[in-house]
Amino acid sequence: MLIIGHQEVADLLAGRERELIETVRSAYLLHHQGKSAVPHSLFLRFPDNDADRIIALPAYVGGQRPAAGVKWISSFPGNLALDLPRASAAIVLNSLDTGRPEALIEASLISASRTAASAALAAELLVGDADPVGVTLIGCGVINLAILRFLSAVFPAISEVVVYDALPQRAAGFAESCRAVLPAGRVTVARRLDSALAAHPLVSLATTAGSPHTDLSACAPGTVLLHISLRDIEPVTISRQHNVVDDADHVCRERTSLHLAETLTGSRSFIDATIGELIAANTRRQLDPTRLVIFSPFGLGALDISLADSVRCMAEQAGLGTRIPHFLPGHLVPAGTH
């Protein structure tokens, strides 16, 4: 068993934004081509606590370097008051020959990176011909900071950032972190959600919202929204705009905004395309620019497994990680032998 810890993962991923985006692009394409197996995520919830959850995301992804495993990720919002990250995660990779677990990898950075890479990839495909110079970040946490870093790799012209959070003091601290990502940029804290939504035609929503809270009426026509947290947007609004998803069967579950829109309308006809379809068509955008364009990714385990396998490969090449040689039992001894 190879164990790869947090700092080792951080060192291996540092500065590889474009490379990770291409890994995610490949995983999405393989999923679109039917060369993946991604069962529905399993949500572990607690009968006396609605806020906390732990999610299992098993997956297989094929291609030139096939891999299989499971991500086990928790979301405990109360951790923030303890000065701990809200989310923590681990990934187990299994041998495709024997099924035996081969690697245990700390996965909080892998999870954040695959989310940010998928958001940046979607923005690259969905914005118009003119690359954005500014972005609005709704929700001031680890995910949106990673999204800013990946967006700046895709759109180097980005120089203006507007941030908003329901907790103003959190937004102020987050703005300083954004300035570290874009030292030459201008970062502004919005006092109201609507003013933040109106500030730029590229918006990322990565909040802890459990139910819809905005109808996006403040957004300009053609705004591209990266709806990472999945539960921010009113279902009526979802049903009237362009929608791109990673997988309709996955995203229309667990009371996401799209699940509520499906319940409201009785169908999924409001979903225009999957990101895999756009990648396969090799196009940036074929949608009505007068309407909002909303990308809502449920977060496919195939992305996590692809990135984790890349981390394992890099760790093995660099001689990183800790080997536990007797973690698993050895060969069986036939009965009656000594």
Protein backbone atom coordinates (compact mmCIF):
# COMPACT_ATOMS: atom_id res chain seq x y z
CA MET A 1 0.00 0.00 0.00
CA LEU A 2 1.29 3.43 -0.98
CA ILE A 3 0.16 6.27 1.31
CA ILE A 4 0.46 9.82 -0.05
CA GLY A 5 -0.13 12.64 2.43
CA HIS A 6 -1.45 16.15 2.11
CA GLN A 7 1.84 18.01 1.70
CA GLU A 8 3.12 15.54 -0.86
CA VAL A 9 -0.08 15.97 -2.89
CA ALA A 10 0.28 19.76 -2.62
CA ASP A 11 3.86 19.63 -3.90
CA LEU A 12 2.91 17.37 -6.80
CA LEU A 13 -0.05 19.51 -7.92
CA ALA A 14 1.59 22.92 -7.57
CA GLY A 15 1.71 24.88 -10.82
CA ARG A 16 0.00 22.16 -12.88
CA GLU A 17 -3.32 23.92 -13.51
CA ARG A 18 -3.30 23.52 -17.31
CA GLU A 19 -2.20 19.91 -17.03
CA LEU A 20 -4.99 19.13 -14.56
CA ILE A 21 -7.56 20.82 -16.80
CA GLU A 22 -6.50 18.52 -19.64
CA THR A 23 -6.80 15.49 -17.33
CA VAL A 24 -10.35 16.57 -16.48
CA ARG A 25 -11.12 17.21 -20.16
CA SER A 26 -10.01 13.66 -20.99
CA ALA A 27 -12.10 12.18 -18.16
CA TYR A 28 -15.22 14.05 -19.30
CA LEU A 29 -14.71 12.85 -22.87
CA LEU A 30 -14.24 9.25 -21.74
CA HIS A 31 -17.43 9.53 -19.69
CA HIS A 32 -19.29 10.92 -22.72
CA GLN A 33 -17.98 8.00 -24.81
CA GLY A 34 -19.26 5.44 -22.30
CA LYS A 35 -15.77 4.48 -21.16
CA SER A 36 -16.39 5.09 -17.48
CA ALA A 37 -18.49 3.62 -14.70
CA VAL A 38 -19.84 6.20 -12.27
CA PRO A 39 -22.51 4.91 -9.87
CA HIS A 40 -24.61 7.42 -8.02
CA SER A 41 -22.88 8.95 -5.04
CA LEU A 42 -23.85 7.57 -1.65
CA PHE A 43 -24.75 10.20 0.96
CA LEU A 44 -24.28 9.34 4.62
CA ARG A 45 -26.38 11.68 6.73
CA PHE A 46 -27.00 11.74 10.45
CA PRO A 47 -30.49 11.54 11.99
CA ASP A 48 -29.86 14.29 14.54
CA ASN A 49 -27.82 16.63 12.31
CA ASP A 50 -28.93 18.06 8.96
CA ALA A 51 -25.75 20.02 8.31
CA ASP A 52 -23.09 17.32 8.25
CA ARG A 53 -22.64 14.60 5.63
CA ILE A 54 -20.09 12.15 4.24
CA ILE A 55 -20.23 11.12 0.60
CA ALA A 56 -18.79 8.09 -1.20
CA LEU A 57 -18.00 8.50 -4.91
CA PRO A 58 -16.90 5.20 -6.51
CA ALA A 59 -15.76 5.30 -10.13
CA TYR A 60 -13.89 3.63 -12.96
CA VAL A 61 -12.37 5.56 -15.86
CA GLY A 62 -10.93 3.88 -18.94
CA GLY A 63 -8.65 5.19 -21.63
CA GLN A 64 -4.91 4.70 -22.01
CA ARG A 65 -4.40 4.56 -18.24
CA PRO A 66 -7.54 3.03 -16.68
CA ALA A 67 -8.10 3.40 -12.95
CA ALA A 68 -10.72 2.58 -10.34
CA GLY A 69 -11.35 3.55 -6.75
CA VAL A 70 -13.50 5.58 -4.39
CA LYS A 71 -13.43 9.04 -2.88
CA TRP A 72 -14.74 9.37 0.69
CA ILE A 73 -15.37 13.07 1.40
CA SER A 74 -16.97 14.73 4.40
CA SER A 75 -18.62 18.14 4.70
CA PHE A 76 -18.85 19.43 8.26
CA PRO A 77 -19.62 23.19 8.11
CA GLY A 78 -19.10 23.52 11.88
CA ASN A 79 -15.40 22.87 11.31
CA LEU A 80 -14.99 26.49 10.21
CA ALA A 81 -15.66 27.68 13.77
CA LEU A 82 -12.86 25.33 14.90
CA ASP A 83 -10.46 26.84 12.34
CA LEU A 84 -10.55 23.56 10.39
CA PRO A 85 -11.44 23.04 6.71
CA ARG A 86 -15.12 22.32 6.09
CA ALA A 87 -14.28 19.35 3.85
CA SER A 88 -11.82 16.49 4.27
CA ALA A 89 -11.30 13.56 1.95
CA ALA A 90 -9.37 10.41 1.12
CA ILE A 91 -9.17 8.37 -2.08
CA VAL A 92 -8.47 4.64 -2.33
CA LEU A 93 -7.23 3.32 -5.68
CA ASN A 94 -7.68 -0.36 -6.45
CA SER A 95 -5.79 -2.73 -8.73
CA LEU A 96 -7.73 -3.52 -11.89
CA ASP A 97 -6.11 -6.97 -11.94
CA THR A 98 -6.85 -8.16 -8.39
CA GLY A 99 -9.18 -5.52 -6.94
CA ARG A 100 -6.80 -5.08 -4.00
CA PRO A 101 -6.37 -1.53 -2.67
CA GLU A 102 -3.02 -0.15 -3.82
CA ALA A 103 -2.93 3.50 -2.76
CA LEU A 104 -4.45 5.72 -0.06
CA ILE A 105 -4.23 9.40 -0.97
CA GLU A 106 -5.21 12.48 1.02
CA ALA A 107 -7.74 14.02 -1.33
CA SER A 108 -8.87 17.47 -0.18
CA LEU A 109 -6.59 19.16 -2.74
CA ILE A 110 -7.45 16.60 -5.43
CA SER A 111 -11.15 17.25 -4.84
CA ALA A 112 -10.72 21.03 -4.91
CA SER A 113 -8.49 20.85 -7.98
CA ARG A 114 -10.86 18.67 -10.00
CA THR A 115 -13.76 21.00 -9.10
CA ALA A 116 -11.77 24.08 -10.08
CA ALA A 117 -10.41 22.45 -13.23
CA SER A 118 -13.91 21.46 -14.36
CA ALA A 119 -15.17 25.00 -13.70
CA ALA A 120 -12.33 26.57 -15.68
CA LEU A 121 -12.84 24.09 -18.52
CA ALA A 122 -16.56 24.90 -18.65
CA ALA A 123 -15.81 28.63 -18.68
CA GLU A 124 -13.38 28.11 -21.54
CA LEU A 125 -16.09 26.31 -23.52
CA LEU A 126 -19.02 28.59 -22.64
CA VAL A 127 -17.81 32.18 -22.67
CA GLY A 128 -17.96 34.13 -25.90
CA ASP A 129 -15.10 34.89 -28.22
CA ALA A 130 -13.80 37.72 -26.01
CA ASP A 131 -11.99 36.32 -22.96
CA PRO A 132 -13.21 37.79 -19.65
CA VAL A 133 -11.17 40.36 -17.76
CA GLY A 134 -13.14 39.98 -14.54
CA VAL A 135 -14.94 37.38 -12.44
CA THR A 136 -17.35 37.39 -9.51
CA LEU A 137 -16.89 34.82 -6.76
CA ILE A 138 -19.97 34.11 -4.61
CA GLY A 139 -18.94 32.17 -1.52
CA CYS A 140 -15.56 32.85 0.04
CA GLY A 141 -13.96 29.48 0.66
CA VAL A 142 -11.36 27.02 -0.55
CA ILE A 143 -13.21 26.05 -3.73
CA ASN A 144 -13.67 29.55 -5.12
CA LEU A 145 -10.04 30.39 -4.36
CA ALA A 146 -8.98 27.32 -6.36
CA ILE A 147 -11.40 28.30 -9.14
CA LEU A 148 -9.79 31.74 -9.34
CA ARG A 149 -6.37 30.15 -9.68
CA PHE A 150 -7.53 27.84 -12.48
CA LEU A 151 -9.50 30.58 -14.25
CA SER A 152 -6.41 32.79 -14.27
CA ALA A 153 -4.52 29.96 -15.98
CA VAL A 154 -7.19 29.76 -18.70
CA PHE A 155 -7.85 33.50 -18.96
CA PRO A 156 -4.63 35.38 -18.18
CA ALA A 157 -6.39 38.69 -18.90
CA ILE A 158 -8.45 38.41 -15.71
CA SER A 159 -7.47 41.37 -13.55
CA GLU A 160 -10.66 42.25 -11.65
CA VAL A 161 -12.35 40.14 -9.00
CA VAL A 162 -15.52 40.88 -7.04
CA VAL A 163 -16.18 38.69 -4.00
CA TYR A 164 -19.29 38.27 -1.89
CA ASP A 165 -20.12 36.19 1.17
CA ALA A 166 -23.03 36.20 3.59
CA LEU A 167 -20.41 36.77 6.32
CA PRO A 168 -18.71 40.11 5.54
CA GLN A 169 -15.70 39.39 7.73
CA ARG A 170 -15.06 36.21 5.81
CA ALA A 171 -15.24 38.08 2.52
CA ALA A 172 -12.61 40.56 3.71
CA GLY A 173 -10.13 37.80 4.56
CA PHE A 174 -10.90 35.99 1.33
CA ALA A 175 -10.19 39.14 -0.68
CA GLU A 176 -6.64 39.13 0.70
CA SER A 177 -6.20 35.53 -0.46
CA CYS A 178 -7.44 36.52 -3.94
CA ARG A 179 -4.89 39.33 -4.06
CA ALA A 180 -2.19 36.76 -3.42
CA VAL A 181 -3.39 34.81 -6.48
CA LEU A 182 -3.59 37.96 -8.63
CA PRO A 183 -1.01 40.37 -7.18
CA ALA A 184 -1.52 42.85 -10.01
CA GLY A 185 -5.31 42.55 -10.00
CA ARG A 186 -8.03 44.58 -8.33
CA VAL A 187 -10.17 42.76 -5.76
CA THR A 188 -13.41 44.33 -4.49
CA VAL A 189 -15.76 43.13 -1.75
CA ALA A 190 -19.44 43.54 -2.66
CA ARG A 191 -21.88 44.35 0.12
CA ARG A 192 -24.91 42.91 -1.66
CA LEU A 193 -25.41 39.70 -3.60
CA ASP A 194 -27.17 41.45 -6.48
CA SER A 195 -24.38 43.97 -6.97
CA ALA A 196 -21.89 41.09 -7.06
CA LEU A 197 -23.96 39.19 -9.63
CA ALA A 198 -24.16 42.30 -11.83
CA ALA A 199 -20.44 43.09 -11.67
CA HIS A 200 -19.07 40.64 -14.25
CA PRO A 201 -20.38 38.31 -17.01
CA LEU A 202 -18.53 35.37 -15.42
CA VAL A 203 -19.72 34.25 -11.98
CA SER A 204 -18.77 31.32 -9.77
CA LEU A 205 -21.15 30.22 -7.03
CA ALA A 206 -19.47 27.97 -4.45
CA THR A 207 -21.45 28.40 -1.26
CA THR A 208 -22.79 26.18 1.50
CA ALA A 209 -26.41 27.01 0.59
CA GLY A 210 -28.85 24.20 1.25
CA SER A 211 -31.75 25.72 -0.69
CA PRO A 212 -32.22 28.23 -3.53
CA HIS A 213 -31.79 31.89 -2.61
CA THR A 214 -31.39 33.86 -5.88
CA ASP A 215 -33.30 34.26 -9.14
CA LEU A 216 -30.25 35.77 -10.90
CA SER A 217 -32.32 38.76 -12.05
CA ALA A 218 -29.32 41.00 -11.38
CA CYS A 219 -27.17 39.20 -13.97
CA ALA A 220 -26.66 40.70 -17.40
CA PRO A 221 -27.88 38.64 -20.39
CA GLY A 222 -25.27 36.16 -21.54
CA THR A 223 -23.66 35.83 -18.11
CA VAL A 224 -21.94 32.48 -17.62
CA LEU A 225 -22.52 31.06 -14.15
CA LEU A 226 -20.44 28.25 -12.69
CA HIS A 227 -23.04 26.83 -10.32
CA ILE A 228 -20.66 24.70 -8.30
CA SER A 229 -22.70 24.48 -5.09
CA LEU A 230 -25.79 23.35 -7.04
CA ARG A 231 -28.45 24.68 -4.67
CA ASP A 232 -28.24 28.47 -5.03
CA ILE A 233 -30.53 29.17 -8.00
CA GLU A 234 -34.32 29.23 -7.98
CA PRO A 235 -35.75 26.29 -9.99
CA VAL A 236 -37.93 28.60 -12.10
CA THR A 237 -34.80 30.46 -13.16
CA ILE A 238 -33.04 27.19 -13.98
CA SER A 239 -35.95 26.10 -16.16
CA ARG A 240 -35.80 29.30 -18.27
CA GLN A 241 -32.06 29.50 -18.97
CA HIS A 242 -29.45 27.52 -20.87
CA ASN A 243 -28.11 24.67 -18.73
CA VAL A 244 -24.98 22.57 -19.17
CA VAL A 245 -24.28 19.70 -16.77
CA ASP A 246 -21.73 16.95 -16.32
CA ASP A 247 -24.33 14.17 -16.12
CA ALA A 248 -28.10 14.71 -16.00
CA ASP A 249 -28.82 11.57 -14.00
CA HIS A 250 -26.35 12.60 -11.32
CA VAL A 251 -27.19 16.29 -11.06
CA CYS A 252 -30.98 15.84 -10.91
CA ARG A 253 -30.78 14.31 -7.43
CA GLU A 254 -30.49 15.30 -3.78
CA ARG A 255 -32.65 18.41 -4.09
CA THR A 256 -30.25 20.35 -6.25
CA SER A 257 -31.69 23.35 -8.10
CA LEU A 258 -31.90 21.19 -11.22
CA HIS A 259 -33.65 18.40 -9.32
CA LEU A 260 -36.21 20.95 -8.12
CA ALA A 261 -36.56 22.31 -11.66
CA GLU A 262 -37.20 18.81 -12.95
CA THR A 263 -39.85 18.31 -10.28
CA LEU A 264 -41.38 21.68 -11.19
CA THR A 265 -41.49 21.14 -14.96
CA GLY A 266 -41.89 17.37 -15.14
CA SER A 267 -38.93 16.90 -17.47
CA ARG A 268 -35.24 17.64 -18.04
CA SER A 269 -35.78 19.50 -21.30
CA PHE A 270 -34.19 22.62 -19.80
CA ILE A 271 -30.80 20.84 -19.95
CA ASP A 272 -29.20 21.79 -23.26
CA ALA A 273 -25.98 19.76 -23.21
CA THR A 274 -23.40 17.94 -21.17
CA ILE A 275 -19.87 19.22 -20.99
CA GLY A 276 -18.73 15.95 -22.57
CA GLU A 277 -20.88 16.71 -25.61
CA LEU A 278 -19.32 20.16 -25.94
CA ILE A 279 -15.82 18.69 -25.68
CA ALA A 280 -16.62 16.06 -28.29
CA ALA A 281 -18.01 18.75 -30.62
CA ASN A 282 -14.80 20.75 -30.12
CA THR A 283 -16.70 24.01 -29.78
CA ARG A 284 -16.61 26.88 -27.32
CA ARG A 285 -20.25 27.88 -27.47
CA GLN A 286 -23.42 27.27 -29.46
CA LEU A 287 -25.96 28.81 -27.11
CA ASP A 288 -28.19 31.91 -27.21
CA PRO A 289 -26.10 34.80 -25.82
CA THR A 290 -29.18 36.70 -24.67
CA ARG A 291 -29.93 34.08 -22.01
CA LEU A 292 -27.92 33.09 -18.96
CA VAL A 293 -25.68 30.05 -19.33
CA ILE A 294 -25.48 27.91 -16.19
CA PHE A 295 -22.96 25.11 -15.69
CA SER A 296 -24.02 22.79 -12.86
CA PRO A 297 -21.58 19.91 -12.26
CA PHE A 298 -22.60 17.29 -9.71
CA GLY A 299 -18.96 16.27 -9.48
CA LEU A 300 -18.24 12.92 -11.12
CA GLY A 301 -16.02 10.48 -9.25
CA ALA A 302 -14.26 9.69 -12.53
CA LEU A 303 -12.55 13.09 -12.32
CA ASP A 304 -11.27 12.39 -8.81
CA ILE A 305 -9.99 8.96 -9.78
CA SER A 306 -8.24 10.32 -12.87
CA LEU A 307 -6.47 13.04 -10.89
CA ALA A 308 -5.64 10.66 -8.04
CA ASP A 309 -4.10 8.19 -10.47
CA SER A 310 -2.01 11.00 -11.94
CA VAL A 311 -0.85 11.92 -8.43
CA ARG A 312 0.04 8.30 -7.72
CA CYS A 313 2.02 8.09 -10.96
CA MET A 314 3.92 11.30 -10.19
CA ALA A 315 4.58 10.18 -6.61
CA GLU A 316 5.98 6.85 -7.78
CA GLN A 317 8.25 8.57 -10.29
CA ALA A 318 9.49 11.04 -7.65
CA GLY A 319 9.89 8.41 -4.94
CA LEU A 320 7.33 10.13 -2.70
CA GLY A 321 4.80 8.57 -0.35
CA THR A 322 5.12 5.91 2.33
CA ARG A 323 5.06 2.21 1.48
CA ILE A 324 3.34 -0.12 3.94
CA PRO A 325 4.53 -3.54 2.69
CA HIS A 326 2.37 -5.75 4.91
CA PHE A 327 -0.85 -3.73 4.91
CA LEU A 328 -2.66 -6.49 3.01
CA PRO A 329 -2.51 -10.25 3.62
CA GLY A 330 -0.10 -12.22 1.45
CA HIS A 331 -0.74 -15.36 -0.59
CA LEU A 332 -3.07 -17.92 0.93
CA VAL A 333 -1.47 -21.00 2.39
CA PRO A 334 -3.27 -24.19 1.26
CA ALA A 335 -5.01 -26.06 4.03
CA GLY A 336 -2.93 -28.85 5.57
CA THR A 337 0.47 -27.30 4.76
CA HIS A 338 2.96 -25.81 7.17
